[in-house]
Amino acid sequence: MILIIVNYIVKILTILIGIFLLAGSFIFPQLPKEPMLKIMGVMLILWGTYRLIIYRIQLKRYNYDDDSDE
């Protein structure tokens, strides 16, 4: 159970870091506005969302297979 919680926390943190990178120029206007930071932010948001969805699907599949064995 603790691994499931840690997994969700890591995936949500990945999405939050992506949002921070994407909105970093709005939060800290003194930082240089690098287009690479925005690209990395979008990629982290997409990757974290993808991993969250895939993990949820695999977890449901595993629990369904585990229940059907009984």
N, C-alpha and C. Protein backbone atom coordinates (compact mmCIF):
# COMPACT_ATOMS: atom_id res chain seq x y z
N MET A 1 0.81 -1.19 0.00
CA MET A 1 0.00 0.00 0.00
C MET A 1 0.86 1.26 0.00
N ILE A 2 1.99 1.22 0.75
CA ILE A 2 2.86 2.39 0.81
C ILE A 2 3.48 2.67 -0.55
N LEU A 3 3.76 1.61 -1.33
CA LEU A 3 4.34 1.81 -2.66
C LEU A 3 3.36 2.50 -3.61
N ILE A 4 2.09 2.21 -3.45
CA ILE A 4 1.08 2.85 -4.29
C ILE A 4 1.03 4.35 -3.98
N ILE A 5 1.07 4.68 -2.69
CA ILE A 5 1.04 6.09 -2.29
C ILE A 5 2.28 6.82 -2.79
N VAL A 6 3.46 6.21 -2.63
CA VAL A 6 4.71 6.82 -3.10
C VAL A 6 4.67 7.00 -4.61
N ASN A 7 4.14 6.03 -5.32
CA ASN A 7 4.04 6.11 -6.77
C ASN A 7 3.19 7.29 -7.19
N TYR A 8 2.03 7.46 -6.57
CA TYR A 8 1.17 8.59 -6.89
C TYR A 8 1.84 9.92 -6.55
N ILE A 9 2.52 9.98 -5.42
CA ILE A 9 3.18 11.22 -5.01
C ILE A 9 4.26 11.62 -6.03
N VAL A 10 5.06 10.67 -6.46
CA VAL A 10 6.12 10.96 -7.43
C VAL A 10 5.54 11.43 -8.75
N LYS A 11 4.48 10.80 -9.21
CA LYS A 11 3.87 11.19 -10.48
C LYS A 11 3.22 12.58 -10.39
N ILE A 12 2.58 12.86 -9.28
CA ILE A 12 1.97 14.18 -9.10
C ILE A 12 3.04 15.26 -8.96
N LEU A 13 4.14 14.94 -8.28
CA LEU A 13 5.24 15.89 -8.17
C LEU A 13 5.86 16.19 -9.53
N THR A 14 5.94 15.19 -10.39
CA THR A 14 6.45 15.40 -11.74
C THR A 14 5.57 16.39 -12.49
N ILE A 15 4.26 16.24 -12.37
CA ILE A 15 3.33 17.16 -13.02
C ILE A 15 3.47 18.56 -12.43
N LEU A 16 3.60 18.66 -11.11
CA LEU A 16 3.73 19.96 -10.46
C LEU A 16 5.03 20.67 -10.84
N ILE A 17 6.12 19.92 -10.96
CA ILE A 17 7.38 20.52 -11.41
C ILE A 17 7.24 21.03 -12.83
N GLY A 18 6.53 20.30 -13.69
CA GLY A 18 6.28 20.76 -15.05
C GLY A 18 5.48 22.04 -15.07
N ILE A 19 4.46 22.12 -14.22
CA ILE A 19 3.65 23.34 -14.13
C ILE A 19 4.51 24.50 -13.63
N PHE A 20 5.37 24.23 -12.66
CA PHE A 20 6.25 25.28 -12.15
C PHE A 20 7.21 25.79 -13.23
N LEU A 21 7.79 24.86 -14.00
CA LEU A 21 8.69 25.28 -15.08
C LEU A 21 7.95 26.07 -16.15
N LEU A 22 6.74 25.64 -16.45
CA LEU A 22 5.95 26.32 -17.47
C LEU A 22 5.54 27.72 -17.01
N ALA A 23 5.19 27.86 -15.75
CA ALA A 23 4.73 29.14 -15.23
C ALA A 23 5.84 29.88 -14.49
N GLY A 24 7.05 29.42 -14.57
CA GLY A 24 8.16 30.03 -13.84
C GLY A 24 8.41 31.47 -14.19
N SER A 25 8.22 31.81 -15.45
CA SER A 25 8.46 33.20 -15.84
C SER A 25 7.39 34.13 -15.27
N PHE A 26 6.22 33.58 -14.96
CA PHE A 26 5.17 34.39 -14.35
C PHE A 26 5.38 34.53 -12.84
N ILE A 27 5.91 33.49 -12.22
CA ILE A 27 6.13 33.52 -10.78
C ILE A 27 7.38 34.33 -10.44
N PHE A 28 8.45 34.08 -11.18
CA PHE A 28 9.72 34.78 -10.97
C PHE A 28 10.09 35.54 -12.24
N PRO A 29 9.61 36.76 -12.40
CA PRO A 29 9.88 37.48 -13.65
C PRO A 29 11.34 37.87 -13.83
N GLN A 30 12.15 37.84 -12.78
CA GLN A 30 13.55 38.20 -12.91
C GLN A 30 14.38 37.09 -13.56
N LEU A 31 13.86 35.86 -13.61
CA LEU A 31 14.58 34.77 -14.27
C LEU A 31 14.58 34.97 -15.78
N PRO A 32 15.64 34.52 -16.43
CA PRO A 32 15.65 34.65 -17.90
C PRO A 32 14.56 33.78 -18.51
N LYS A 33 13.92 34.30 -19.53
CA LYS A 33 12.82 33.59 -20.17
C LYS A 33 13.39 32.68 -21.26
N GLU A 34 13.69 31.49 -20.87
CA GLU A 34 14.26 30.50 -21.78
C GLU A 34 13.13 29.67 -22.39
N PRO A 35 13.12 29.53 -23.70
CA PRO A 35 12.09 28.67 -24.30
C PRO A 35 12.26 27.20 -23.92
N MET A 36 13.51 26.82 -23.60
CA MET A 36 13.76 25.43 -23.22
C MET A 36 13.06 25.08 -21.91
N LEU A 37 12.93 26.03 -20.99
CA LEU A 37 12.22 25.77 -19.73
C LEU A 37 10.74 25.51 -19.98
N LYS A 38 10.16 26.26 -20.90
CA LYS A 38 8.75 26.02 -21.23
C LYS A 38 8.56 24.67 -21.91
N ILE A 39 9.48 24.32 -22.78
CA ILE A 39 9.39 23.02 -23.45
C ILE A 39 9.55 21.89 -22.43
N MET A 40 10.50 22.03 -21.52
CA MET A 40 10.67 21.01 -20.48
C MET A 40 9.45 20.94 -19.57
N GLY A 41 8.84 22.07 -19.28
CA GLY A 41 7.63 22.08 -18.46
C GLY A 41 6.50 21.33 -19.12
N VAL A 42 6.28 21.59 -20.41
CA VAL A 42 5.22 20.89 -21.14
C VAL A 42 5.52 19.39 -21.20
N MET A 43 6.78 19.04 -21.45
CA MET A 43 7.14 17.62 -21.53
C MET A 43 6.94 16.92 -20.19
N LEU A 44 7.29 17.58 -19.10
CA LEU A 44 7.10 16.96 -17.78
C LEU A 44 5.62 16.79 -17.45
N ILE A 45 4.81 17.77 -17.82
CA ILE A 45 3.37 17.65 -17.59
C ILE A 45 2.80 16.48 -18.39
N LEU A 46 3.15 16.41 -19.66
CA LEU A 46 2.65 15.32 -20.50
C LEU A 46 3.15 13.96 -20.03
N TRP A 47 4.44 13.88 -19.69
CA TRP A 47 5.01 12.61 -19.25
C TRP A 47 4.41 12.17 -17.92
N GLY A 48 4.26 13.09 -16.98
CA GLY A 48 3.67 12.75 -15.69
C GLY A 48 2.23 12.31 -15.82
N THR A 49 1.47 12.99 -16.68
CA THR A 49 0.08 12.61 -16.92
C THR A 49 -0.01 11.24 -17.56
N TYR A 50 0.85 11.00 -18.55
CA TYR A 50 0.88 9.69 -19.21
C TYR A 50 1.20 8.59 -18.21
N ARG A 51 2.23 8.80 -17.40
CA ARG A 51 2.62 7.77 -16.42
C ARG A 51 1.52 7.55 -15.38
N LEU A 52 0.82 8.60 -14.99
CA LEU A 52 -0.26 8.48 -14.02
C LEU A 52 -1.40 7.64 -14.60
N ILE A 53 -1.77 7.90 -15.84
CA ILE A 53 -2.85 7.15 -16.48
C ILE A 53 -2.46 5.69 -16.68
N ILE A 54 -1.25 5.45 -17.19
CA ILE A 54 -0.79 4.08 -17.42
C ILE A 54 -0.69 3.31 -16.10
N TYR A 55 -0.19 3.96 -15.04
CA TYR A 55 -0.09 3.30 -13.76
C TYR A 55 -1.46 2.92 -13.23
N ARG A 56 -2.42 3.81 -13.38
CA ARG A 56 -3.79 3.55 -12.90
C ARG A 56 -4.40 2.37 -13.66
N ILE A 57 -4.20 2.34 -14.98
CA ILE A 57 -4.73 1.24 -15.79
C ILE A 57 -4.08 -0.08 -15.39
N GLN A 58 -2.76 -0.08 -15.23
CA GLN A 58 -2.06 -1.31 -14.85
C GLN A 58 -2.47 -1.78 -13.46
N LEU A 59 -2.69 -0.84 -12.54
CA LEU A 59 -3.10 -1.20 -11.19
C LEU A 59 -4.49 -1.84 -11.19
N LYS A 60 -5.41 -1.28 -11.98
CA LYS A 60 -6.74 -1.88 -12.10
C LYS A 60 -6.66 -3.27 -12.72
N ARG A 61 -5.83 -3.41 -13.75
CA ARG A 61 -5.67 -4.71 -14.40
C ARG A 61 -5.08 -5.74 -13.44
N TYR A 62 -4.09 -5.32 -12.66
CA TYR A 62 -3.48 -6.23 -11.70
C TYR A 62 -4.48 -6.64 -10.64
N ASN A 63 -5.24 -5.69 -10.12
CA ASN A 63 -6.24 -6.01 -9.09
C ASN A 63 -7.35 -6.88 -9.65
N TYR A 64 -7.74 -6.68 -10.91
CA TYR A 64 -8.76 -7.51 -11.52
C TYR A 64 -8.25 -8.93 -11.71
N ASP A 65 -7.00 -9.08 -12.18
CA ASP A 65 -6.41 -10.40 -12.35
C ASP A 65 -6.25 -11.10 -11.01
N ASP A 66 -5.89 -10.35 -9.99
CA ASP A 66 -5.69 -10.91 -8.66
C ASP A 66 -7.02 -11.39 -8.08
N ASP A 67 -8.10 -10.63 -8.32
CA ASP A 67 -9.42 -11.02 -7.82
C ASP A 67 -9.99 -12.21 -8.57
N SER A 68 -9.70 -12.32 -9.84
CA SER A 68 -10.27 -13.41 -10.64
C SER A 68 -9.58 -14.74 -10.37
N ASP A 69 -8.39 -14.72 -9.75
CA ASP A 69 -7.69 -15.96 -9.41
C ASP A 69 -8.35 -16.68 -8.24
N GLU A 70 -9.10 -15.99 -7.45
CA GLU A 70 -9.68 -16.61 -6.25
C GLU A 70 -10.88 -17.44 -6.56
